[in-house]
Amino acid sequence: MGQQILNAPGHAPYTVPVADYRAAFAGSDITIVTDDDTFVSYATAFGQIVPASTDEELAYNIVKAMLEGEERFLAGSPRGPFLFMSFGDIDGVSQGACGAVRVKMHPGAIRAYEDAGHTVGDCLRP
């Protein structure tokens, strides 16, 4: 059943060493059961979406602010390191956006990533 969900359009694999995940939730009343020391789940690929008609400068500024806030995203919560947000190069395939479901990035978002020195896969370009 898990493989069916993971292979469904719009999903990307999410795996973390279970010791790291347990440490992030230390003190919480949760139990993680695994047979290979790995927390395995899925993430919804490319969850930040705007209409194609969004002003390019607005999309650029939103993504620029997100990229500049990387440390805050990662350190602001015990879950931060496990959010798997894309603060670097984006190929589209590993993010689950260039497979069965094809998601195109907004031109303003592409510009923000490239201005920050990152590459963006061709399959993501409008």
PDB file of N, CA and C in Angstrom:
ATOM      1  N   MET A   1       0.830  -1.193   0.000  1.00  0.00           N
ATOM      2  CA  MET A   1       0.000   0.000   0.000  1.00  0.00           C
ATOM      3  C   MET A   1       0.874   1.256   0.000  1.00  0.00           C
ATOM      4  N   GLY A   2       1.932   1.232   0.790  1.00  0.00           N
ATOM      5  CA  GLY A   2       2.814   2.393   0.852  1.00  0.00           C
ATOM      6  C   GLY A   2       3.436   2.713  -0.496  1.00  0.00           C
ATOM      7  N   GLN A   3       3.843   1.694  -1.231  1.00  0.00           N
ATOM      8  CA  GLN A   3       4.436   1.918  -2.548  1.00  0.00           C
ATOM      9  C   GLN A   3       3.429   2.526  -3.515  1.00  0.00           C
ATOM     10  N   GLN A   4       2.155   2.137  -3.397  1.00  0.00           N
ATOM     11  CA  GLN A   4       1.128   2.725  -4.258  1.00  0.00           C
ATOM     12  C   GLN A   4       0.996   4.219  -3.984  1.00  0.00           C
ATOM     13  N   ILE A   5       1.020   4.606  -2.712  1.00  0.00           N
ATOM     14  CA  ILE A   5       0.928   6.029  -2.356  1.00  0.00           C
ATOM     15  C   ILE A   5       2.180   6.750  -2.828  1.00  0.00           C
ATOM     16  N   LEU A   6       3.341   6.179  -2.553  1.00  0.00           N
ATOM     17  CA  LEU A   6       4.602   6.820  -2.923  1.00  0.00           C
ATOM     18  C   LEU A   6       4.724   7.005  -4.427  1.00  0.00           C
ATOM     19  N   ASN A   7       4.220   6.061  -5.201  1.00  0.00           N
ATOM     20  CA  ASN A   7       4.305   6.143  -6.652  1.00  0.00           C
ATOM     21  C   ASN A   7       3.169   6.938  -7.283  1.00  0.00           C
ATOM     22  N   ALA A   8       2.223   7.386  -6.478  1.00  0.00           N
ATOM     23  CA  ALA A   8       1.098   8.160  -7.016  1.00  0.00           C
ATOM     24  C   ALA A   8       1.595   9.523  -7.488  1.00  0.00           C
ATOM     25  N   PRO A   9       0.984  10.053  -8.526  1.00  0.00           N
ATOM     26  CA  PRO A   9       1.392  11.376  -9.012  1.00  0.00           C
ATOM     27  C   PRO A   9       1.339  12.434  -7.908  1.00  0.00           C
ATOM     28  N   GLY A  10       2.370  13.274  -7.878  1.00  0.00           N
ATOM     29  CA  GLY A  10       2.411  14.370  -6.920  1.00  0.00           C
ATOM     30  C   GLY A  10       3.097  14.058  -5.608  1.00  0.00           C
ATOM     31  N   HIS A  11       3.654  12.872  -5.471  1.00  0.00           N
ATOM     32  CA  HIS A  11       4.325  12.491  -4.241  1.00  0.00           C
ATOM     33  C   HIS A  11       5.820  12.292  -4.479  1.00  0.00           C
ATOM     34  N   ALA A  12       6.587  12.596  -3.453  1.00  0.00           N
ATOM     35  CA  ALA A  12       8.034  12.412  -3.508  1.00  0.00           C
ATOM     36  C   ALA A  12       8.453  11.626  -2.267  1.00  0.00           C
ATOM     37  N   PRO A  13       9.467  10.769  -2.375  1.00  0.00           N
ATOM     38  CA  PRO A  13       9.903   9.996  -1.210  1.00  0.00           C
ATOM     39  C   PRO A  13      10.454  10.889  -0.101  1.00  0.00           C
ATOM     40  N   TYR A  14      10.251  10.472   1.126  1.00  0.00           N
ATOM     41  CA  TYR A  14      10.691  11.209   2.310  1.00  0.00           C
ATOM     42  C   TYR A  14      11.282  10.184   3.256  1.00  0.00           C
ATOM     43  N   THR A  15      12.606  10.122   3.349  1.00  0.00           N
ATOM     44  CA  THR A  15      13.246   9.177   4.258  1.00  0.00           C
ATOM     45  C   THR A  15      14.250   9.911   5.138  1.00  0.00           C
ATOM     46  N   VAL A  16      14.299   9.498   6.392  1.00  0.00           N
ATOM     47  CA  VAL A  16      15.177  10.099   7.391  1.00  0.00           C
ATOM     48  C   VAL A  16      15.676   8.986   8.310  1.00  0.00           C
ATOM     49  N   PRO A  17      16.936   9.009   8.723  1.00  0.00           N
ATOM     50  CA  PRO A  17      17.363   8.035   9.730  1.00  0.00           C
ATOM     51  C   PRO A  17      16.453   8.148  10.955  1.00  0.00           C
ATOM     52  N   VAL A  18      15.905   7.048  11.405  1.00  0.00           N
ATOM     53  CA  VAL A  18      14.904   7.086  12.468  1.00  0.00           C
ATOM     54  C   VAL A  18      15.464   7.695  13.759  1.00  0.00           C
ATOM     55  N   ALA A  19      16.741   7.527  14.040  1.00  0.00           N
ATOM     56  CA  ALA A  19      17.330   8.122  15.246  1.00  0.00           C
ATOM     57  C   ALA A  19      17.257   9.646  15.188  1.00  0.00           C
ATOM     58  N   ASP A  20      17.495  10.219  14.015  1.00  0.00           N
ATOM     59  CA  ASP A  20      17.399  11.674  13.854  1.00  0.00           C
ATOM     60  C   ASP A  20      15.967  12.147  14.030  1.00  0.00           C
ATOM     61  N   TYR A  21      15.041  11.416  13.457  1.00  0.00           N
ATOM     62  CA  TYR A  21      13.631  11.802  13.541  1.00  0.00           C
ATOM     63  C   TYR A  21      13.130  11.690  14.981  1.00  0.00           C
ATOM     64  N   ARG A  22      13.518  10.616  15.657  1.00  0.00           N
ATOM     65  CA  ARG A  22      13.121  10.464  17.066  1.00  0.00           C
ATOM     66  C   ARG A  22      13.700  11.599  17.908  1.00  0.00           C
ATOM     67  N   ALA A  23      14.948  11.985  17.659  1.00  0.00           N
ATOM     68  CA  ALA A  23      15.575  13.069  18.418  1.00  0.00           C
ATOM     69  C   ALA A  23      14.836  14.386  18.195  1.00  0.00           C
ATOM     70  N   ALA A  24      14.350  14.614  16.988  1.00  0.00           N
ATOM     71  CA  ALA A  24      13.632  15.853  16.695  1.00  0.00           C
ATOM     72  C   ALA A  24      12.327  15.932  17.477  1.00  0.00           C
ATOM     73  N   PHE A  25      11.768  14.785  17.811  1.00  0.00           N
ATOM     74  CA  PHE A  25      10.498  14.758  18.542  1.00  0.00           C
ATOM     75  C   PHE A  25      10.663  14.267  19.970  1.00  0.00           C
ATOM     76  N   ALA A  26      11.886  14.355  20.502  1.00  0.00           N
ATOM     77  CA  ALA A  26      12.148  13.926  21.879  1.00  0.00           C
ATOM     78  C   ALA A  26      11.203  14.653  22.827  1.00  0.00           C
ATOM     79  N   GLY A  27      10.649  13.911  23.753  1.00  0.00           N
ATOM     80  CA  GLY A  27       9.722  14.492  24.717  1.00  0.00           C
ATOM     81  C   GLY A  27       8.277  14.405  24.277  1.00  0.00           C
ATOM     82  N   SER A  28       8.052  14.078  23.030  1.00  0.00           N
ATOM     83  CA  SER A  28       6.689  13.901  22.529  1.00  0.00           C
ATOM     84  C   SER A  28       6.262  12.463  22.765  1.00  0.00           C
ATOM     85  N   ASP A  29       4.977  12.276  22.853  1.00  0.00           N
ATOM     86  CA  ASP A  29       4.454  10.930  23.090  1.00  0.00           C
ATOM     87  C   ASP A  29       4.172  10.258  21.741  1.00  0.00           C
ATOM     88  N   ILE A  30       5.250   9.928  21.020  1.00  0.00           N
ATOM     89  CA  ILE A  30       5.090   9.258  19.730  1.00  0.00           C
ATOM     90  C   ILE A  30       5.929   7.989  19.713  1.00  0.00           C
ATOM     91  N   THR A  31       5.509   7.058  18.898  1.00  0.00           N
ATOM     92  CA  THR A  31       6.243   5.814  18.712  1.00  0.00           C
ATOM     93  C   THR A  31       6.464   5.626  17.223  1.00  0.00           C
ATOM     94  N   ILE A  32       7.692   5.334  16.838  1.00  0.00           N
ATOM     95  CA  ILE A  32       8.017   5.051  15.445  1.00  0.00           C
ATOM     96  C   ILE A  32       8.507   3.613  15.393  1.00  0.00           C
ATOM     97  N   VAL A  33       7.850   2.798  14.572  1.00  0.00           N
ATOM     98  CA  VAL A  33       8.217   1.403  14.420  1.00  0.00           C
ATOM     99  C   VAL A  33       8.832   1.224  13.041  1.00  0.00           C
ATOM    100  N   THR A  34      10.023   0.650  12.982  1.00  0.00           N
ATOM    101  CA  THR A  34      10.710   0.421  11.711  1.00  0.00           C
ATOM    102  C   THR A  34      11.555  -0.825  11.826  1.00  0.00           C
ATOM    103  N   ASP A  35      11.794  -1.468  10.701  1.00  0.00           N
ATOM    104  CA  ASP A  35      12.646  -2.651  10.738  1.00  0.00           C
ATOM    105  C   ASP A  35      14.008  -2.406  10.099  1.00  0.00           C
ATOM    106  N   ASP A  36      14.259  -1.149   9.649  1.00  0.00           N
ATOM    107  CA  ASP A  36      15.548  -0.877   9.007  1.00  0.00           C
ATOM    108  C   ASP A  36      16.185   0.441   9.460  1.00  0.00           C
ATOM    109  N   ASP A  37      15.787   0.936  10.634  1.00  0.00           N
ATOM    110  CA  ASP A  37      16.336   2.168  11.202  1.00  0.00           C
ATOM    111  C   ASP A  37      16.113   3.392  10.315  1.00  0.00           C
ATOM    112  N   THR A  38      15.054   3.365   9.490  1.00  0.00           N
ATOM    113  CA  THR A  38      14.738   4.478   8.603  1.00  0.00           C
ATOM    114  C   THR A  38      13.269   4.841   8.746  1.00  0.00           C
ATOM    115  N   PHE A  39      13.000   6.132   8.906  1.00  0.00           N
ATOM    116  CA  PHE A  39      11.626   6.633   8.868  1.00  0.00           C
ATOM    117  C   PHE A  39      11.306   6.873   7.399  1.00  0.00           C
ATOM    118  N   VAL A  40      10.288   6.200   6.889  1.00  0.00           N
ATOM    119  CA  VAL A  40       9.938   6.273   5.475  1.00  0.00           C
ATOM    120  C   VAL A  40       8.503   6.775   5.341  1.00  0.00           C
ATOM    121  N   SER A  41       8.339   7.784   4.523  1.00  0.00           N
ATOM    122  CA  SER A  41       7.008   8.314   4.268  1.00  0.00           C
ATOM    123  C   SER A  41       7.031   8.975   2.894  1.00  0.00           C
ATOM    124  N   TYR A  42       6.118   9.883   2.652  1.00  0.00           N
ATOM    125  CA  TYR A  42       6.099  10.621   1.402  1.00  0.00           C
ATOM    126  C   TYR A  42       5.815  12.081   1.695  1.00  0.00           C
ATOM    127  N   ALA A  43       6.146  12.912   0.761  1.00  0.00           N
ATOM    128  CA  ALA A  43       5.858  14.341   0.858  1.00  0.00           C
ATOM    129  C   ALA A  43       5.083  14.734  -0.389  1.00  0.00           C
ATOM    130  N   THR A  44       4.275  15.753  -0.258  1.00  0.00           N
ATOM    131  CA  THR A  44       3.589  16.290  -1.425  1.00  0.00           C
ATOM    132  C   THR A  44       4.579  17.158  -2.167  1.00  0.00           C
ATOM    133  N   ALA A  45       4.806  16.825  -3.416  1.00  0.00           N
ATOM    134  CA  ALA A  45       5.808  17.534  -4.202  1.00  0.00           C
ATOM    135  C   ALA A  45       5.350  18.939  -4.538  1.00  0.00           C
ATOM    136  N   PHE A  46       6.286  19.860  -4.473  1.00  0.00           N
ATOM    137  CA  PHE A  46       6.058  21.248  -4.865  1.00  0.00           C
ATOM    138  C   PHE A  46       4.759  21.795  -4.268  1.00  0.00           C
ATOM    139  N   GLY A  47       4.704  21.853  -2.951  1.00  0.00           N
ATOM    140  CA  GLY A  47       3.499  22.299  -2.266  1.00  0.00           C
ATOM    141  C   GLY A  47       3.257  23.794  -2.297  1.00  0.00           C
ATOM    142  N   GLN A  48       4.220  24.596  -2.716  1.00  0.00           N
ATOM    143  CA  GLN A  48       4.037  26.044  -2.768  1.00  0.00           C
ATOM    144  C   GLN A  48       3.672  26.440  -4.196  1.00  0.00           C
ATOM    145  N   ILE A  49       2.428  26.763  -4.410  1.00  0.00           N
ATOM    146  CA  ILE A  49       1.939  27.008  -5.766  1.00  0.00           C
ATOM    147  C   ILE A  49       1.257  28.367  -5.824  1.00  0.00           C
ATOM    148  N   VAL A  50       1.510  29.088  -6.896  1.00  0.00           N
ATOM    149  CA  VAL A  50       0.816  30.355  -7.165  1.00  0.00           C
ATOM    150  C   VAL A  50       0.232  30.275  -8.567  1.00  0.00           C
ATOM    151  N   PRO A  51      -0.795  31.071  -8.849  1.00  0.00           N
ATOM    152  CA  PRO A  51      -1.329  31.091 -10.214  1.00  0.00           C
ATOM    153  C   PRO A  51      -0.274  31.592 -11.198  1.00  0.00           C
ATOM    154  N   ALA A  52      -0.319  31.101 -12.412  1.00  0.00           N
ATOM    155  CA  ALA A  52       0.626  31.536 -13.441  1.00  0.00           C
ATOM    156  C   ALA A  52       0.521  33.038 -13.674  1.00  0.00           C
ATOM    157  N   SER A  53      -0.616  33.626 -13.371  1.00  0.00           N
ATOM    158  CA  SER A  53      -0.818  35.063 -13.589  1.00  0.00           C
ATOM    159  C   SER A  53      -0.221  35.930 -12.477  1.00  0.00           C
ATOM    160  N   THR A  54       0.361  35.306 -11.439  1.00  0.00           N
ATOM    161  CA  THR A  54       0.968  36.079 -10.354  1.00  0.00           C
ATOM    162  C   THR A  54       2.066  36.974 -10.919  1.00  0.00           C
ATOM    163  N   ASP A  55       2.081  38.216 -10.466  1.00  0.00           N
ATOM    164  CA  ASP A  55       3.086  39.180 -10.896  1.00  0.00           C
ATOM    165  C   ASP A  55       4.488  38.594 -10.699  1.00  0.00           C
ATOM    166  N   GLU A  56       5.341  38.722 -11.709  1.00  0.00           N
ATOM    167  CA  GLU A  56       6.670  38.124 -11.647  1.00  0.00           C
ATOM    168  C   GLU A  56       7.490  38.670 -10.484  1.00  0.00           C
ATOM    169  N   GLU A  57       7.404  39.965 -10.228  1.00  0.00           N
ATOM    170  CA  GLU A  57       8.190  40.563  -9.143  1.00  0.00           C
ATOM    171  C   GLU A  57       7.708  40.049  -7.782  1.00  0.00           C
ATOM    172  N   LEU A  58       6.396  39.858  -7.631  1.00  0.00           N
ATOM    173  CA  LEU A  58       5.856  39.329  -6.380  1.00  0.00           C
ATOM    174  C   LEU A  58       6.356  37.899  -6.151  1.00  0.00           C
ATOM    175  N   ALA A  59       6.264  37.046  -7.185  1.00  0.00           N
ATOM    176  CA  ALA A  59       6.750  35.673  -7.052  1.00  0.00           C
ATOM    177  C   ALA A  59       8.244  35.673  -6.735  1.00  0.00           C
ATOM    178  N   TYR A  60       8.988  36.519  -7.401  1.00  0.00           N
ATOM    179  CA  TYR A  60      10.429  36.633  -7.167  1.00  0.00           C
ATOM    180  C   TYR A  60      10.699  36.992  -5.700  1.00  0.00           C
ATOM    181  N   ASN A  61      10.009  38.003  -5.182  1.00  0.00           N
ATOM    182  CA  ASN A  61      10.249  38.460  -3.813  1.00  0.00           C
ATOM    183  C   ASN A  61       9.864  37.406  -2.776  1.00  0.00           C
ATOM    184  N   ILE A  62       8.794  36.662  -3.035  1.00  0.00           N
ATOM    185  CA  ILE A  62       8.387  35.602  -2.107  1.00  0.00           C
ATOM    186  C   ILE A  62       9.464  34.522  -2.034  1.00  0.00           C
ATOM    187  N   VAL A  63       9.927  34.067  -3.203  1.00  0.00           N
ATOM    188  CA  VAL A  63      10.923  32.995  -3.228  1.00  0.00           C
ATOM    189  C   VAL A  63      12.267  33.496  -2.711  1.00  0.00           C
ATOM    190  N   LYS A  64      12.619  34.722  -3.042  1.00  0.00           N
ATOM    191  CA  LYS A  64      13.869  35.310  -2.538  1.00  0.00           C
ATOM    192  C   LYS A  64      13.858  35.335  -1.010  1.00  0.00           C
ATOM    193  N   ALA A  65      12.736  35.754  -0.414  1.00  0.00           N
ATOM    194  CA  ALA A  65      12.620  35.792   1.047  1.00  0.00           C
ATOM    195  C   ALA A  65      12.729  34.392   1.644  1.00  0.00           C
ATOM    196  N   MET A  66      12.114  33.402   0.980  1.00  0.00           N
ATOM    197  CA  MET A  66      12.211  32.032   1.470  1.00  0.00           C
ATOM    198  C   MET A  66      13.666  31.566   1.437  1.00  0.00           C
ATOM    199  N   LEU A  67      14.353  31.805   0.324  1.00  0.00           N
ATOM    200  CA  LEU A  67      15.746  31.369   0.210  1.00  0.00           C
ATOM    201  C   LEU A  67      16.630  32.067   1.239  1.00  0.00           C
ATOM    202  N   GLU A  68      16.381  33.349   1.476  1.00  0.00           N
ATOM    203  CA  GLU A  68      17.166  34.090   2.472  1.00  0.00           C
ATOM    204  C   GLU A  68      16.853  33.635   3.894  1.00  0.00           C
ATOM    205  N   GLY A  69      15.696  33.016   4.104  1.00  0.00           N
ATOM    206  CA  GLY A  69      15.291  32.566   5.435  1.00  0.00           C
ATOM    207  C   GLY A  69      15.642  31.119   5.723  1.00  0.00           C
ATOM    208  N   GLU A  70      16.547  30.544   4.945  1.00  0.00           N
ATOM    209  CA  GLU A  70      16.875  29.130   5.104  1.00  0.00           C
ATOM    210  C   GLU A  70      17.203  28.769   6.552  1.00  0.00           C
ATOM    211  N   GLU A  71      18.070  29.520   7.201  1.00  0.00           N
ATOM    212  CA  GLU A  71      18.464  29.196   8.576  1.00  0.00           C
ATOM    213  C   GLU A  71      17.260  29.209   9.515  1.00  0.00           C
ATOM    214  N   ARG A  72      16.372  30.163   9.316  1.00  0.00           N
ATOM    215  CA  ARG A  72      15.178  30.243  10.178  1.00  0.00           C
ATOM    216  C   ARG A  72      14.278  29.027   9.967  1.00  0.00           C
ATOM    217  N   PHE A  73      14.111  28.604   8.702  1.00  0.00           N
ATOM    218  CA  PHE A  73      13.301  27.414   8.434  1.00  0.00           C
ATOM    219  C   PHE A  73      13.931  26.182   9.081  1.00  0.00           C
ATOM    220  N   LEU A  74      15.247  26.044   8.958  1.00  0.00           N
ATOM    221  CA  LEU A  74      15.917  24.845   9.443  1.00  0.00           C
ATOM    222  C   LEU A  74      16.047  24.803  10.963  1.00  0.00           C
ATOM    223  N   ALA A  75      16.270  25.950  11.581  1.00  0.00           N
ATOM    224  CA  ALA A  75      16.525  25.981  13.025  1.00  0.00           C
ATOM    225  C   ALA A  75      15.314  26.394  13.851  1.00  0.00           C
ATOM    226  N   GLY A  76      14.262  26.869  13.222  1.00  0.00           N
ATOM    227  CA  GLY A  76      13.122  27.408  13.957  1.00  0.00           C
ATOM    228  C   GLY A  76      12.219  26.363  14.579  1.00  0.00           C
ATOM    229  N   SER A  77      12.406  25.102  14.232  1.00  0.00           N
ATOM    230  CA  SER A  77      11.570  24.029  14.746  1.00  0.00           C
ATOM    231  C   SER A  77      12.376  22.743  14.728  1.00  0.00           C
ATOM    232  N   PRO A  78      12.098  21.817  15.654  1.00  0.00           N
ATOM    233  CA  PRO A  78      12.804  20.530  15.607  1.00  0.00           C
ATOM    234  C   PRO A  78      12.583  19.798  14.279  1.00  0.00           C
ATOM    235  N   ARG A  79      11.463  20.075  13.618  1.00  0.00           N
ATOM    236  CA  ARG A  79      11.181  19.438  12.327  1.00  0.00           C
ATOM    237  C   ARG A  79      11.892  20.127  11.179  1.00  0.00           C
ATOM    238  N   GLY A  80      12.456  21.297  11.410  1.00  0.00           N
ATOM    239  CA  GLY A  80      13.068  22.080  10.345  1.00  0.00           C
ATOM    240  C   GLY A  80      13.971  21.312   9.410  1.00  0.00           C
ATOM    241  N   PRO A  81      14.929  20.553   9.944  1.00  0.00           N
ATOM    242  CA  PRO A  81      15.841  19.829   9.048  1.00  0.00           C
ATOM    243  C   PRO A  81      15.157  18.750   8.216  1.00  0.00           C
ATOM    244  N   PHE A  82      13.923  18.394   8.584  1.00  0.00           N
ATOM    245  CA  PHE A  82      13.225  17.312   7.898  1.00  0.00           C
ATOM    246  C   PHE A  82      12.122  17.813   6.966  1.00  0.00           C
ATOM    247  N   LEU A  83      12.057  19.099   6.738  1.00  0.00           N
ATOM    248  CA  LEU A  83      11.029  19.646   5.856  1.00  0.00           C
ATOM    249  C   LEU A  83      11.348  19.403   4.391  1.00  0.00           C
ATOM    250  N   PHE A  84      12.598  19.128   4.088  1.00  0.00           N
ATOM    251  CA  PHE A  84      13.054  18.875   2.725  1.00  0.00           C
ATOM    252  C   PHE A  84      12.659  19.995   1.776  1.00  0.00           C
ATOM    253  N   MET A  85      12.777  21.221   2.266  1.00  0.00           N
ATOM    254  CA  MET A  85      12.548  22.363   1.390  1.00  0.00           C
ATOM    255  C   MET A  85      13.760  22.514   0.487  1.00  0.00           C
ATOM    256  N   SER A  86      13.530  23.014  -0.690  1.00  0.00           N
ATOM    257  CA  SER A  86      14.604  23.124  -1.680  1.00  0.00           C
ATOM    258  C   SER A  86      15.264  24.490  -1.607  1.00  0.00           C
ATOM    259  N   PHE A  87      16.403  24.544  -0.914  1.00  0.00           N
ATOM    260  CA  PHE A  87      17.156  25.788  -0.801  1.00  0.00           C
ATOM    261  C   PHE A  87      18.356  25.798  -1.744  1.00  0.00           C
ATOM    262  N   GLY A  88      18.473  24.797  -2.586  1.00  0.00           N
ATOM    263  CA  GLY A  88      19.620  24.708  -3.485  1.00  0.00           C
ATOM    264  C   GLY A  88      19.179  24.460  -4.909  1.00  0.00           C
ATOM    265  N   ASP A  89      19.994  23.713  -5.634  1.00  0.00           N
ATOM    266  CA  ASP A  89      19.674  23.388  -7.017  1.00  0.00           C
ATOM    267  C   ASP A  89      18.401  22.548  -7.063  1.00  0.00           C
ATOM    268  N   ILE A  90      17.628  22.745  -8.125  1.00  0.00           N
ATOM    269  CA  ILE A  90      16.377  22.016  -8.284  1.00  0.00           C
ATOM    270  C   ILE A  90      16.401  21.317  -9.639  1.00  0.00           C
ATOM    271  N   ASP A  91      16.356  19.984  -9.617  1.00  0.00           N
ATOM    272  CA  ASP A  91      16.345  19.252 -10.884  1.00  0.00           C
ATOM    273  C   ASP A  91      14.931  18.902 -11.328  1.00  0.00           C
ATOM    274  N   GLY A  92      13.977  18.972 -10.410  1.00  0.00           N
ATOM    275  CA  GLY A  92      12.589  18.665 -10.728  1.00  0.00           C
ATOM    276  C   GLY A  92      12.244  17.208 -10.563  1.00  0.00           C
ATOM    277  N   VAL A  93      13.184  16.321 -10.853  1.00  0.00           N
ATOM    278  CA  VAL A  93      12.930  14.886 -10.750  1.00  0.00           C
ATOM    279  C   VAL A  93      12.901  14.465  -9.285  1.00  0.00           C
ATOM    280  N   SER A  94      13.936  14.824  -8.515  1.00  0.00           N
ATOM    281  CA  SER A  94      13.990  14.411  -7.112  1.00  0.00           C
ATOM    282  C   SER A  94      12.930  15.102  -6.267  1.00  0.00           C
ATOM    283  N   GLN A  95      12.384  16.202  -6.746  1.00  0.00           N
ATOM    284  CA  GLN A  95      11.309  16.886  -6.038  1.00  0.00           C
ATOM    285  C   GLN A  95       9.937  16.352  -6.435  1.00  0.00           C
ATOM    286  N   GLY A  96       9.874  15.420  -7.365  1.00  0.00           N
ATOM    287  CA  GLY A  96       8.606  14.828  -7.775  1.00  0.00           C
ATOM    288  C   GLY A  96       7.777  15.703  -8.696  1.00  0.00           C
ATOM    289  N   ALA A  97       8.414  16.680  -9.356  1.00  0.00           N
ATOM    290  CA  ALA A  97       7.656  17.614 -10.193  1.00  0.00           C
ATOM    291  C   ALA A  97       7.865  17.401 -11.683  1.00  0.00           C
ATOM    292  N   CYS A  98       8.651  16.426 -12.063  1.00  0.00           N
ATOM    293  CA  CYS A  98       8.926  16.185 -13.489  1.00  0.00           C
ATOM    294  C   CYS A  98       8.684  14.727 -13.851  1.00  0.00           C
ATOM    295  N   GLY A  99       7.772  14.091 -13.169  1.00  0.00           N
ATOM    296  CA  GLY A  99       7.442  12.695 -13.456  1.00  0.00           C
ATOM    297  C   GLY A  99       6.032  12.607 -14.003  1.00  0.00           C
ATOM    298  N   ALA A 100       5.205  11.770 -13.349  1.00  0.00           N
ATOM    299  CA  ALA A 100       3.820  11.593 -13.793  1.00  0.00           C
ATOM    300  C   ALA A 100       3.049  12.910 -13.715  1.00  0.00           C
ATOM    301  N   VAL A 101       3.379  13.713 -12.707  1.00  0.00           N
ATOM    302  CA  VAL A 101       2.792  15.049 -12.586  1.00  0.00           C
ATOM    303  C   VAL A 101       3.879  16.036 -12.977  1.00  0.00           C
ATOM    304  N   ARG A 102       3.568  16.927 -13.872  1.00  0.00           N
ATOM    305  CA  ARG A 102       4.544  17.931 -14.314  1.00  0.00           C
ATOM    306  C   ARG A 102       4.129  19.282 -13.769  1.00  0.00           C
ATOM    307  N   VAL A 103       5.003  19.863 -12.972  1.00  0.00           N
ATOM    308  CA  VAL A 103       4.755  21.174 -12.385  1.00  0.00           C
ATOM    309  C   VAL A 103       5.785  22.132 -12.956  1.00  0.00           C
ATOM    310  N   LYS A 104       5.322  23.247 -13.451  1.00  0.00           N
ATOM    311  CA  LYS A 104       6.219  24.270 -13.981  1.00  0.00           C
ATOM    312  C   LYS A 104       6.426  25.337 -12.915  1.00  0.00           C
ATOM    313  N   MET A 105       7.653  25.829 -12.812  1.00  0.00           N
ATOM    314  CA  MET A 105       7.939  26.900 -11.862  1.00  0.00           C
ATOM    315  C   MET A 105       7.570  28.249 -12.469  1.00  0.00           C
ATOM    316  N   HIS A 106       7.172  29.150 -11.619  1.00  0.00           N
ATOM    317  CA  HIS A 106       6.867  30.508 -12.042  1.00  0.00           C
ATOM    318  C   HIS A 106       8.172  31.181 -12.480  1.00  0.00           C
ATOM    319  N   PRO A 107       8.163  31.971 -13.545  1.00  0.00           N
ATOM    320  CA  PRO A 107       9.386  32.652 -13.978  1.00  0.00           C
ATOM    321  C   PRO A 107      10.045  33.484 -12.875  1.00  0.00           C
ATOM    322  N   GLY A 108       9.254  34.096 -12.005  1.00  0.00           N
ATOM    323  CA  GLY A 108       9.819  34.865 -10.892  1.00  0.00           C
ATOM    324  C   GLY A 108      10.553  33.975  -9.908  1.00  0.00           C
ATOM    325  N   ALA A 109      10.030  32.770  -9.668  1.00  0.00           N
ATOM    326  CA  ALA A 109      10.686  31.818  -8.771  1.00  0.00           C
ATOM    327  C   ALA A 109      11.993  31.331  -9.385  1.00  0.00           C
ATOM    328  N   ILE A 110      11.970  31.051 -10.677  1.00  0.00           N
ATOM    329  CA  ILE A 110      13.191  30.620 -11.363  1.00  0.00           C
ATOM    330  C   ILE A 110      14.255  31.706 -11.254  1.00  0.00           C
ATOM    331  N   ARG A 111      13.855  32.942 -11.474  1.00  0.00           N
ATOM    332  CA  ARG A 111      14.813  34.049 -11.392  1.00  0.00           C
ATOM    333  C   ARG A 111      15.404  34.160  -9.990  1.00  0.00           C
ATOM    334  N   ALA A 112      14.577  33.970  -8.948  1.00  0.00           N
ATOM    335  CA  ALA A 112      15.077  34.053  -7.568  1.00  0.00           C
ATOM    336  C   ALA A 112      16.107  32.967  -7.287  1.00  0.00           C
ATOM    337  N   TYR A 113      15.822  31.752  -7.728  1.00  0.00           N
ATOM    338  CA  TYR A 113      16.781  30.663  -7.532  1.00  0.00           C
ATOM    339  C   TYR A 113      18.075  30.939  -8.281  1.00  0.00           C
ATOM    340  N   GLU A 114      17.962  31.364  -9.525  1.00  0.00           N
ATOM    341  CA  GLU A 114      19.158  31.602 -10.315  1.00  0.00           C
ATOM    342  C   GLU A 114      19.953  32.798  -9.794  1.00  0.00           C
ATOM    343  N   ASP A 115      19.270  33.837  -9.335  1.00  0.00           N
ATOM    344  CA  ASP A 115      19.971  34.981  -8.738  1.00  0.00           C
ATOM    345  C   ASP A 115      20.728  34.569  -7.474  1.00  0.00           C
ATOM    346  N   ALA A 116      20.221  33.538  -6.796  1.00  0.00           N
ATOM    347  CA  ALA A 116      20.884  33.040  -5.585  1.00  0.00           C
ATOM    348  C   ALA A 116      22.008  32.048  -5.937  1.00  0.00           C
ATOM    349  N   GLY A 117      22.229  31.819  -7.239  1.00  0.00           N
ATOM    350  CA  GLY A 117      23.323  30.948  -7.663  1.00  0.00           C
ATOM    351  C   GLY A 117      22.963  29.490  -7.854  1.00  0.00           C
ATOM    352  N   HIS A 118      21.670  29.171  -7.892  1.00  0.00           N
ATOM    353  CA  HIS A 118      21.226  27.783  -8.026  1.00  0.00           C
ATOM    354  C   HIS A 118      20.800  27.482  -9.460  1.00  0.00           C
ATOM    355  N   THR A 119      20.806  26.207  -9.808  1.00  0.00           N
ATOM    356  CA  THR A 119      20.321  25.785 -11.122  1.00  0.00           C
ATOM    357  C   THR A 119      18.882  25.285 -11.000  1.00  0.00           C
ATOM    358  N   VAL A 120      18.155  25.390 -12.107  1.00  0.00           N
ATOM    359  CA  VAL A 120      16.774  24.939 -12.187  1.00  0.00           C
ATOM    360  C   VAL A 120      16.667  24.036 -13.414  1.00  0.00           C
ATOM    361  N   GLY A 121      16.147  22.844 -13.236  1.00  0.00           N
ATOM    362  CA  GLY A 121      16.021  21.881 -14.333  1.00  0.00           C
ATOM    363  C   GLY A 121      15.124  22.385 -15.450  1.00  0.00           C
ATOM    364  N   ASP A 122      15.462  22.006 -16.665  1.00  0.00           N
ATOM    365  CA  ASP A 122      14.687  22.416 -17.833  1.00  0.00           C
ATOM    366  C   ASP A 122      13.231  21.961 -17.768  1.00  0.00           C
ATOM    367  N   CYS A 123      12.982  20.808 -17.158  1.00  0.00           N
ATOM    368  CA  CYS A 123      11.610  20.293 -17.107  1.00  0.00           C
ATOM    369  C   CYS A 123      10.691  21.165 -16.256  1.00  0.00           C
ATOM    370  N   LEU A 124      11.251  22.087 -15.486  1.00  0.00           N
ATOM    371  CA  LEU A 124      10.465  22.977 -14.626  1.00  0.00           C
ATOM    372  C   LEU A 124      10.128  24.301 -15.273  1.00  0.00           C
ATOM    373  N   ARG A 125      10.734  24.571 -16.402  1.00  0.00           N
ATOM    374  CA  ARG A 125      10.555  25.878 -17.051  1.00  0.00           C
ATOM    375  C   ARG A 125       9.254  25.918 -17.846  1.00  0.00           C
ATOM    376  N   PRO A 126       8.566  27.066 -17.760  1.00  0.00           N
ATOM    377  CA  PRO A 126       7.304  27.181 -18.515  1.00  0.00           C
ATOM    378  C   PRO A 126       7.541  27.156 -20.022  1.00  0.00           C
TER     379      PRO A 126
END
